[in-house]
Amino acid sequence: MAMTSGPEGLGTRMRHVLEILDGDIARFLAGIGLDDYRPRYSPVVRALLARGPLAIRDLAEEMRVTHSAASQTVAQMNRAGFATLEPGADARQRIVSLTARTRELLPLIEAEWTATTEATEALEAELPYSLRALLDAIMEALERKPFRERIEETAAARELR
């Protein structure tokens, strides 16, 4: 699949790479008997193992994702039987915990995580630069100045006003 050079389609390319990676991880998971476990669950599992039950807001912060993204993932995990949601201190807060089923599957989940980490390192060895370092640099640049501000500073955006 040929893509144009330049900034056109940057989001499309990033989503495509993520779809390829997640799809292959999901197929691997199915092959080891975790067909209903999704790659996006692992950061939640790892955060809850490290810190114990967490409010969705705290979980999102720990994972460096939006509250909405964490909430959606937790809802999927809850439906699949990997996480529970309990009311928190106030009515708006929900506390996320791992289920007994997830804890029983931890050896498989951890083995997949280790294998995926090793495969990531092998992939990065083939690249001219570290993909993780590049993604970290992108996130840091966007924290310094959000992409919306960058768009608004363009000549094309100024013509829209």
N, C-alpha and C. Protein backbone atom coordinates (compact mmCIF):
# COMPACT_ATOMS: atom_id res chain seq x y z
N MET A 1 0.85 -1.17 0.00
CA MET A 1 0.00 0.00 0.00
C MET A 1 0.90 1.23 0.00
N ALA A 2 0.89 1.96 -1.08
CA ALA A 2 1.73 3.15 -1.20
C ALA A 2 1.03 4.36 -0.57
N MET A 3 1.78 5.12 0.17
CA MET A 3 1.25 6.34 0.79
C MET A 3 2.06 7.50 0.24
N THR A 4 1.42 8.65 0.19
CA THR A 4 2.14 9.83 -0.27
C THR A 4 3.12 10.29 0.79
N SER A 5 4.14 11.01 0.35
CA SER A 5 5.03 11.59 1.33
C SER A 5 4.43 12.90 1.79
N GLY A 6 4.95 13.46 2.85
CA GLY A 6 4.41 14.71 3.36
C GLY A 6 3.42 14.46 4.46
N PRO A 7 2.82 15.54 4.98
CA PRO A 7 1.96 15.41 6.15
C PRO A 7 0.57 14.85 5.85
N GLU A 8 0.18 14.79 4.57
CA GLU A 8 -1.16 14.30 4.24
C GLU A 8 -1.35 12.88 4.76
N GLY A 9 -2.46 12.66 5.40
CA GLY A 9 -2.79 11.33 5.86
C GLY A 9 -2.01 10.85 7.06
N LEU A 10 -1.40 11.74 7.83
CA LEU A 10 -0.60 11.33 8.98
C LEU A 10 -1.44 10.53 9.98
N GLY A 11 -2.63 11.05 10.31
CA GLY A 11 -3.51 10.34 11.24
C GLY A 11 -3.93 8.99 10.70
N THR A 12 -4.20 8.93 9.39
CA THR A 12 -4.59 7.68 8.76
C THR A 12 -3.46 6.66 8.86
N ARG A 13 -2.24 7.10 8.63
CA ARG A 13 -1.09 6.20 8.72
C ARG A 13 -0.89 5.70 10.14
N MET A 14 -1.01 6.61 11.12
CA MET A 14 -0.83 6.18 12.51
C MET A 14 -1.90 5.18 12.91
N ARG A 15 -3.16 5.43 12.52
CA ARG A 15 -4.23 4.48 12.83
C ARG A 15 -3.99 3.14 12.14
N HIS A 16 -3.51 3.18 10.90
CA HIS A 16 -3.25 1.95 10.15
C HIS A 16 -2.18 1.10 10.84
N VAL A 17 -1.08 1.73 11.26
CA VAL A 17 -0.02 1.00 11.97
C VAL A 17 -0.59 0.40 13.25
N LEU A 18 -1.38 1.17 14.00
CA LEU A 18 -1.96 0.65 15.23
C LEU A 18 -2.91 -0.52 14.94
N GLU A 19 -3.70 -0.42 13.88
CA GLU A 19 -4.60 -1.52 13.51
C GLU A 19 -3.81 -2.79 13.18
N ILE A 20 -2.70 -2.63 12.46
CA ILE A 20 -1.87 -3.80 12.13
C ILE A 20 -1.32 -4.43 13.41
N LEU A 21 -0.72 -3.61 14.27
CA LEU A 21 -0.14 -4.13 15.51
C LEU A 21 -1.21 -4.78 16.39
N ASP A 22 -2.30 -4.06 16.65
CA ASP A 22 -3.35 -4.60 17.51
C ASP A 22 -3.97 -5.86 16.92
N GLY A 23 -4.16 -5.88 15.60
CA GLY A 23 -4.74 -7.07 14.95
C GLY A 23 -3.87 -8.29 15.12
N ASP A 24 -2.56 -8.10 14.92
CA ASP A 24 -1.64 -9.23 15.08
C ASP A 24 -1.54 -9.68 16.53
N ILE A 25 -1.55 -8.74 17.46
CA ILE A 25 -1.53 -9.12 18.88
C ILE A 25 -2.81 -9.88 19.23
N ALA A 26 -3.95 -9.40 18.74
CA ALA A 26 -5.24 -10.07 19.01
C ALA A 26 -5.23 -11.50 18.45
N ARG A 27 -4.67 -11.68 17.26
CA ARG A 27 -4.59 -13.03 16.68
C ARG A 27 -3.67 -13.93 17.53
N PHE A 28 -2.58 -13.37 18.03
CA PHE A 28 -1.69 -14.13 18.92
C PHE A 28 -2.44 -14.50 20.20
N LEU A 29 -3.15 -13.53 20.78
CA LEU A 29 -3.91 -13.78 22.01
C LEU A 29 -4.92 -14.91 21.79
N ALA A 30 -5.63 -14.87 20.67
CA ALA A 30 -6.60 -15.93 20.36
C ALA A 30 -5.90 -17.28 20.27
N GLY A 31 -4.70 -17.28 19.70
CA GLY A 31 -3.94 -18.52 19.54
C GLY A 31 -3.49 -19.14 20.85
N ILE A 32 -3.38 -18.33 21.89
CA ILE A 32 -2.98 -18.88 23.20
C ILE A 32 -4.19 -19.03 24.14
N GLY A 33 -5.39 -18.89 23.59
CA GLY A 33 -6.60 -19.13 24.37
C GLY A 33 -7.21 -17.91 25.02
N LEU A 34 -6.77 -16.72 24.62
CA LEU A 34 -7.33 -15.48 25.18
C LEU A 34 -8.13 -14.74 24.10
N ASP A 35 -9.09 -15.44 23.47
CA ASP A 35 -9.80 -14.84 22.34
C ASP A 35 -10.61 -13.59 22.68
N ASP A 36 -11.10 -13.48 23.91
CA ASP A 36 -11.89 -12.29 24.25
C ASP A 36 -11.09 -11.21 24.98
N TYR A 37 -9.79 -11.40 25.07
CA TYR A 37 -8.90 -10.41 25.69
C TYR A 37 -8.33 -9.54 24.58
N ARG A 38 -8.40 -8.22 24.75
CA ARG A 38 -7.94 -7.27 23.73
C ARG A 38 -6.61 -6.63 24.15
N PRO A 39 -5.77 -6.30 23.17
CA PRO A 39 -4.49 -5.66 23.49
C PRO A 39 -4.65 -4.39 24.33
N ARG A 40 -5.75 -3.67 24.12
CA ARG A 40 -5.94 -2.42 24.85
C ARG A 40 -6.22 -2.65 26.34
N TYR A 41 -6.48 -3.90 26.74
CA TYR A 41 -6.72 -4.19 28.16
C TYR A 41 -5.43 -4.22 28.98
N SER A 42 -4.31 -4.57 28.34
CA SER A 42 -3.07 -4.77 29.08
C SER A 42 -2.60 -3.55 29.87
N PRO A 43 -2.67 -2.32 29.32
CA PRO A 43 -2.27 -1.18 30.15
C PRO A 43 -3.15 -1.01 31.40
N VAL A 44 -4.43 -1.35 31.28
CA VAL A 44 -5.33 -1.28 32.44
C VAL A 44 -4.92 -2.34 33.46
N VAL A 45 -4.70 -3.55 32.99
CA VAL A 45 -4.30 -4.64 33.89
C VAL A 45 -3.00 -4.27 34.60
N ARG A 46 -2.03 -3.77 33.85
CA ARG A 46 -0.73 -3.44 34.44
C ARG A 46 -0.86 -2.31 35.47
N ALA A 47 -1.69 -1.31 35.17
CA ALA A 47 -1.89 -0.20 36.11
C ALA A 47 -2.56 -0.68 37.39
N LEU A 48 -3.57 -1.53 37.25
CA LEU A 48 -4.29 -2.03 38.43
C LEU A 48 -3.43 -2.99 39.25
N LEU A 49 -2.57 -3.75 38.60
CA LEU A 49 -1.65 -4.61 39.33
C LEU A 49 -0.66 -3.78 40.13
N ALA A 50 -0.21 -2.69 39.53
CA ALA A 50 0.79 -1.84 40.19
C ALA A 50 0.20 -1.00 41.31
N ARG A 51 -1.02 -0.50 41.11
CA ARG A 51 -1.57 0.47 42.06
C ARG A 51 -2.81 0.02 42.80
N GLY A 52 -3.36 -1.13 42.44
CA GLY A 52 -4.59 -1.59 43.08
C GLY A 52 -5.79 -0.93 42.43
N PRO A 53 -6.99 -1.15 42.99
CA PRO A 53 -8.20 -0.56 42.41
C PRO A 53 -8.06 0.96 42.27
N LEU A 54 -8.54 1.49 41.14
CA LEU A 54 -8.41 2.91 40.85
C LEU A 54 -9.69 3.49 40.31
N ALA A 55 -9.91 4.77 40.58
CA ALA A 55 -10.99 5.50 39.92
C ALA A 55 -10.61 5.63 38.45
N ILE A 56 -11.59 5.69 37.58
CA ILE A 56 -11.32 5.80 36.15
C ILE A 56 -10.44 7.01 35.86
N ARG A 57 -10.69 8.12 36.54
CA ARG A 57 -9.87 9.33 36.33
C ARG A 57 -8.41 9.05 36.63
N ASP A 58 -8.13 8.36 37.73
CA ASP A 58 -6.75 8.03 38.11
C ASP A 58 -6.14 7.01 37.15
N LEU A 59 -6.97 6.08 36.71
CA LEU A 59 -6.51 5.08 35.75
C LEU A 59 -6.12 5.76 34.43
N ALA A 60 -6.94 6.69 33.98
CA ALA A 60 -6.65 7.42 32.74
C ALA A 60 -5.34 8.18 32.87
N GLU A 61 -5.14 8.81 34.01
CA GLU A 61 -3.90 9.56 34.25
C GLU A 61 -2.69 8.62 34.25
N GLU A 62 -2.83 7.48 34.91
CA GLU A 62 -1.75 6.49 34.97
C GLU A 62 -1.38 5.99 33.57
N MET A 63 -2.39 5.81 32.72
CA MET A 63 -2.16 5.28 31.37
C MET A 63 -1.84 6.38 30.35
N ARG A 64 -1.97 7.65 30.76
CA ARG A 64 -1.75 8.79 29.87
C ARG A 64 -2.71 8.77 28.67
N VAL A 65 -4.00 8.51 28.98
CA VAL A 65 -5.06 8.58 27.97
C VAL A 65 -6.17 9.46 28.52
N THR A 66 -7.14 9.77 27.66
CA THR A 66 -8.27 10.58 28.12
C THR A 66 -9.17 9.75 29.04
N HIS A 67 -9.95 10.47 29.83
CA HIS A 67 -10.94 9.81 30.70
C HIS A 67 -11.88 8.97 29.84
N SER A 68 -12.30 9.52 28.71
CA SER A 68 -13.22 8.83 27.81
C SER A 68 -12.61 7.53 27.30
N ALA A 69 -11.35 7.56 26.89
CA ALA A 69 -10.69 6.34 26.38
C ALA A 69 -10.59 5.29 27.48
N ALA A 70 -10.20 5.70 28.69
CA ALA A 70 -10.10 4.75 29.80
C ALA A 70 -11.48 4.18 30.13
N SER A 71 -12.49 5.03 30.15
CA SER A 71 -13.84 4.60 30.47
C SER A 71 -14.36 3.58 29.44
N GLN A 72 -14.10 3.84 28.17
CA GLN A 72 -14.53 2.90 27.12
C GLN A 72 -13.84 1.55 27.26
N THR A 73 -12.54 1.57 27.52
CA THR A 73 -11.80 0.32 27.67
C THR A 73 -12.30 -0.45 28.88
N VAL A 74 -12.50 0.25 29.99
CA VAL A 74 -12.98 -0.40 31.21
C VAL A 74 -14.38 -0.99 30.99
N ALA A 75 -15.24 -0.27 30.27
CA ALA A 75 -16.58 -0.79 29.98
C ALA A 75 -16.49 -2.09 29.17
N GLN A 76 -15.58 -2.13 28.19
CA GLN A 76 -15.39 -3.36 27.40
C GLN A 76 -14.87 -4.49 28.30
N MET A 77 -13.92 -4.16 29.16
CA MET A 77 -13.36 -5.16 30.07
C MET A 77 -14.43 -5.69 31.03
N ASN A 78 -15.29 -4.79 31.48
CA ASN A 78 -16.38 -5.18 32.39
C ASN A 78 -17.34 -6.14 31.69
N ARG A 79 -17.72 -5.81 30.46
CA ARG A 79 -18.63 -6.69 29.69
C ARG A 79 -18.00 -8.06 29.44
N ALA A 80 -16.67 -8.10 29.24
CA ALA A 80 -15.98 -9.36 28.96
C ALA A 80 -15.59 -10.12 30.23
N GLY A 81 -15.84 -9.52 31.41
CA GLY A 81 -15.54 -10.20 32.66
C GLY A 81 -14.11 -10.06 33.15
N PHE A 82 -13.40 -9.02 32.67
CA PHE A 82 -12.01 -8.81 33.09
C PHE A 82 -11.88 -7.74 34.17
N ALA A 83 -12.89 -6.90 34.35
CA ALA A 83 -12.83 -5.82 35.35
C ALA A 83 -14.21 -5.61 35.95
N THR A 84 -14.22 -5.11 37.18
CA THR A 84 -15.48 -4.74 37.83
C THR A 84 -15.48 -3.24 38.07
N LEU A 85 -16.66 -2.68 38.17
CA LEU A 85 -16.85 -1.26 38.47
C LEU A 85 -17.72 -1.15 39.70
N GLU A 86 -17.22 -0.43 40.69
CA GLU A 86 -17.96 -0.21 41.93
C GLU A 86 -18.09 1.29 42.15
N PRO A 87 -19.16 1.72 42.85
CA PRO A 87 -19.28 3.16 43.15
C PRO A 87 -18.12 3.61 44.04
N GLY A 88 -17.68 4.85 43.81
CA GLY A 88 -16.60 5.41 44.61
C GLY A 88 -17.14 6.27 45.73
N ALA A 89 -16.29 7.14 46.24
CA ALA A 89 -16.63 8.00 47.37
C ALA A 89 -17.78 8.94 47.04
N ASP A 90 -17.81 9.45 45.80
CA ASP A 90 -18.95 10.28 45.41
C ASP A 90 -19.69 9.61 44.25
N ALA A 91 -20.87 10.04 43.99
CA ALA A 91 -21.76 9.36 43.04
C ALA A 91 -21.19 9.31 41.62
N ARG A 92 -20.34 10.26 41.27
CA ARG A 92 -19.80 10.29 39.90
C ARG A 92 -18.59 9.38 39.73
N GLN A 93 -17.97 8.98 40.81
CA GLN A 93 -16.74 8.21 40.73
C GLN A 93 -17.04 6.71 40.66
N ARG A 94 -16.29 6.01 39.79
CA ARG A 94 -16.40 4.55 39.71
C ARG A 94 -15.00 3.97 39.88
N ILE A 95 -14.90 2.95 40.71
CA ILE A 95 -13.62 2.32 41.03
C ILE A 95 -13.49 1.03 40.22
N VAL A 96 -12.36 0.88 39.54
CA VAL A 96 -12.10 -0.26 38.68
C VAL A 96 -11.20 -1.25 39.41
N SER A 97 -11.59 -2.53 39.36
CA SER A 97 -10.80 -3.61 39.95
C SER A 97 -10.71 -4.75 38.94
N LEU A 98 -9.68 -5.58 39.10
CA LEU A 98 -9.56 -6.78 38.29
C LEU A 98 -10.45 -7.88 38.86
N THR A 99 -10.97 -8.73 37.99
CA THR A 99 -11.79 -9.85 38.44
C THR A 99 -10.91 -11.05 38.77
N ALA A 100 -11.50 -12.01 39.43
CA ALA A 100 -10.79 -13.26 39.74
C ALA A 100 -10.38 -13.94 38.44
N ARG A 101 -11.22 -13.86 37.43
CA ARG A 101 -10.90 -14.45 36.13
C ARG A 101 -9.61 -13.85 35.57
N THR A 102 -9.48 -12.53 35.65
CA THR A 102 -8.28 -11.87 35.14
C THR A 102 -7.07 -12.34 35.92
N ARG A 103 -7.20 -12.42 37.22
CA ARG A 103 -6.07 -12.85 38.06
C ARG A 103 -5.66 -14.29 37.72
N GLU A 104 -6.62 -15.14 37.40
CA GLU A 104 -6.31 -16.52 37.01
C GLU A 104 -5.56 -16.55 35.69
N LEU A 105 -5.87 -15.60 34.81
CA LEU A 105 -5.25 -15.56 33.47
C LEU A 105 -3.93 -14.79 33.45
N LEU A 106 -3.53 -14.22 34.59
CA LEU A 106 -2.31 -13.41 34.62
C LEU A 106 -1.07 -14.09 34.05
N PRO A 107 -0.84 -15.38 34.31
CA PRO A 107 0.35 -15.99 33.70
C PRO A 107 0.34 -15.89 32.16
N LEU A 108 -0.81 -16.12 31.54
CA LEU A 108 -0.92 -15.99 30.08
C LEU A 108 -0.78 -14.54 29.65
N ILE A 109 -1.44 -13.63 30.37
CA ILE A 109 -1.38 -12.20 30.03
C ILE A 109 0.05 -11.69 30.14
N GLU A 110 0.74 -12.08 31.21
CA GLU A 110 2.14 -11.65 31.40
C GLU A 110 3.05 -12.25 30.34
N ALA A 111 2.81 -13.51 29.97
CA ALA A 111 3.63 -14.15 28.93
C ALA A 111 3.44 -13.44 27.59
N GLU A 112 2.20 -13.08 27.30
CA GLU A 112 1.94 -12.32 26.05
C GLU A 112 2.64 -10.98 26.11
N TRP A 113 2.57 -10.31 27.25
CA TRP A 113 3.20 -8.99 27.39
C TRP A 113 4.71 -9.11 27.15
N THR A 114 5.34 -10.12 27.72
CA THR A 114 6.77 -10.34 27.54
C THR A 114 7.09 -10.62 26.07
N ALA A 115 6.32 -11.48 25.45
CA ALA A 115 6.54 -11.81 24.03
C ALA A 115 6.35 -10.58 23.15
N THR A 116 5.32 -9.78 23.44
CA THR A 116 5.06 -8.57 22.66
C THR A 116 6.19 -7.56 22.85
N THR A 117 6.69 -7.44 24.07
CA THR A 117 7.81 -6.53 24.34
C THR A 117 9.04 -6.96 23.54
N GLU A 118 9.33 -8.26 23.54
CA GLU A 118 10.49 -8.76 22.78
C GLU A 118 10.30 -8.52 21.29
N ALA A 119 9.08 -8.74 20.78
CA ALA A 119 8.81 -8.52 19.36
C ALA A 119 8.93 -7.04 19.01
N THR A 120 8.51 -6.17 19.92
CA THR A 120 8.64 -4.72 19.72
C THR A 120 10.11 -4.34 19.61
N GLU A 121 10.93 -4.89 20.49
CA GLU A 121 12.36 -4.60 20.46
C GLU A 121 12.98 -5.08 19.15
N ALA A 122 12.56 -6.25 18.68
CA ALA A 122 13.08 -6.78 17.41
C ALA A 122 12.64 -5.90 16.24
N LEU A 123 11.39 -5.43 16.26
CA LEU A 123 10.91 -4.53 15.21
C LEU A 123 11.71 -3.23 15.22
N GLU A 124 11.89 -2.66 16.41
CA GLU A 124 12.64 -1.40 16.51
C GLU A 124 14.08 -1.56 16.04
N ALA A 125 14.66 -2.75 16.21
CA ALA A 125 16.04 -2.99 15.76
C ALA A 125 16.13 -2.88 14.23
N GLU A 126 15.01 -3.13 13.53
CA GLU A 126 14.99 -3.03 12.07
C GLU A 126 14.77 -1.60 11.59
N LEU A 127 14.31 -0.73 12.47
CA LEU A 127 13.98 0.64 12.08
C LEU A 127 15.21 1.54 12.20
N PRO A 128 15.21 2.64 11.45
CA PRO A 128 16.35 3.56 11.55
C PRO A 128 16.36 4.39 12.83
N TYR A 129 15.28 4.31 13.65
CA TYR A 129 15.20 5.05 14.91
C TYR A 129 14.18 4.35 15.79
N SER A 130 14.19 4.68 17.06
CA SER A 130 13.28 4.07 18.02
C SER A 130 11.87 4.62 17.85
N LEU A 131 10.95 3.74 17.59
CA LEU A 131 9.55 4.15 17.45
C LEU A 131 9.02 4.69 18.78
N ARG A 132 9.38 4.04 19.89
CA ARG A 132 8.93 4.52 21.21
C ARG A 132 9.47 5.91 21.50
N ALA A 133 10.74 6.14 21.19
CA ALA A 133 11.33 7.46 21.43
C ALA A 133 10.64 8.52 20.56
N LEU A 134 10.34 8.17 19.33
CA LEU A 134 9.65 9.10 18.44
C LEU A 134 8.26 9.43 18.98
N LEU A 135 7.52 8.41 19.40
CA LEU A 135 6.18 8.65 19.94
C LEU A 135 6.23 9.48 21.21
N ASP A 136 7.21 9.22 22.08
CA ASP A 136 7.39 10.03 23.29
C ASP A 136 7.67 11.48 22.91
N ALA A 137 8.53 11.68 21.92
CA ALA A 137 8.87 13.05 21.48
C ALA A 137 7.63 13.76 20.92
N ILE A 138 6.81 13.04 20.18
CA ILE A 138 5.58 13.62 19.64
C ILE A 138 4.65 14.03 20.78
N MET A 139 4.46 13.15 21.76
CA MET A 139 3.58 13.47 22.89
C MET A 139 4.09 14.67 23.66
N GLU A 140 5.40 14.73 23.89
CA GLU A 140 5.98 15.87 24.61
C GLU A 140 5.78 17.16 23.83
N ALA A 141 5.98 17.13 22.51
CA ALA A 141 5.79 18.32 21.68
C ALA A 141 4.33 18.78 21.72
N LEU A 142 3.41 17.82 21.71
CA LEU A 142 1.98 18.18 21.74
C LEU A 142 1.54 18.65 23.12
N GLU A 143 2.23 18.22 24.17
CA GLU A 143 1.95 18.75 25.51
C GLU A 143 2.44 20.19 25.61
N ARG A 144 3.58 20.48 24.99
CA ARG A 144 4.09 21.86 24.98
C ARG A 144 3.16 22.78 24.19
N LYS A 145 2.71 22.31 23.04
CA LYS A 145 1.80 23.10 22.21
C LYS A 145 0.84 22.15 21.51
N PRO A 146 -0.44 22.18 21.91
CA PRO A 146 -1.43 21.28 21.30
C PRO A 146 -1.52 21.47 19.78
N PHE A 147 -1.90 20.41 19.11
CA PHE A 147 -1.99 20.44 17.65
C PHE A 147 -2.98 21.50 17.17
N ARG A 148 -4.06 21.71 17.94
CA ARG A 148 -5.04 22.74 17.56
C ARG A 148 -4.35 24.10 17.43
N GLU A 149 -3.50 24.44 18.40
CA GLU A 149 -2.76 25.72 18.32
C GLU A 149 -1.88 25.75 17.08
N ARG A 150 -1.26 24.65 16.77
CA ARG A 150 -0.39 24.58 15.61
C ARG A 150 -1.20 24.80 14.33
N ILE A 151 -2.40 24.23 14.28
CA ILE A 151 -3.26 24.43 13.12
C ILE A 151 -3.66 25.89 13.01
N GLU A 152 -4.08 26.46 14.16
CA GLU A 152 -4.55 27.85 14.15
C GLU A 152 -3.47 28.83 13.74
N GLU A 153 -2.19 28.47 13.90
CA GLU A 153 -1.09 29.35 13.53
C GLU A 153 -0.77 29.33 12.03
N THR A 154 -1.40 28.43 11.29
CA THR A 154 -1.08 28.31 9.87
C THR A 154 -1.74 29.43 9.06
N ALA A 155 -1.15 29.73 7.93
CA ALA A 155 -1.70 30.74 7.03
C ALA A 155 -3.10 30.31 6.56
N ALA A 156 -3.27 29.05 6.26
CA ALA A 156 -4.57 28.57 5.79
C ALA A 156 -5.66 28.79 6.84
N ALA A 157 -5.34 28.56 8.12
CA ALA A 157 -6.31 28.76 9.19
C ALA A 157 -6.63 30.24 9.36
N ARG A 158 -5.62 31.09 9.24
CA ARG A 158 -5.85 32.54 9.38
C ARG A 158 -6.80 33.04 8.29
N GLU A 159 -6.75 32.43 7.11
CA GLU A 159 -7.64 32.84 6.03
C GLU A 159 -9.10 32.46 6.32
N LEU A 160 -9.32 31.54 7.22
CA LEU A 160 -10.67 31.10 7.56
C LEU A 160 -11.36 32.06 8.52
N ARG A 161 -10.60 32.94 9.12
CA ARG A 161 -11.18 33.86 10.13
C ARG A 161 -11.68 35.10 9.50
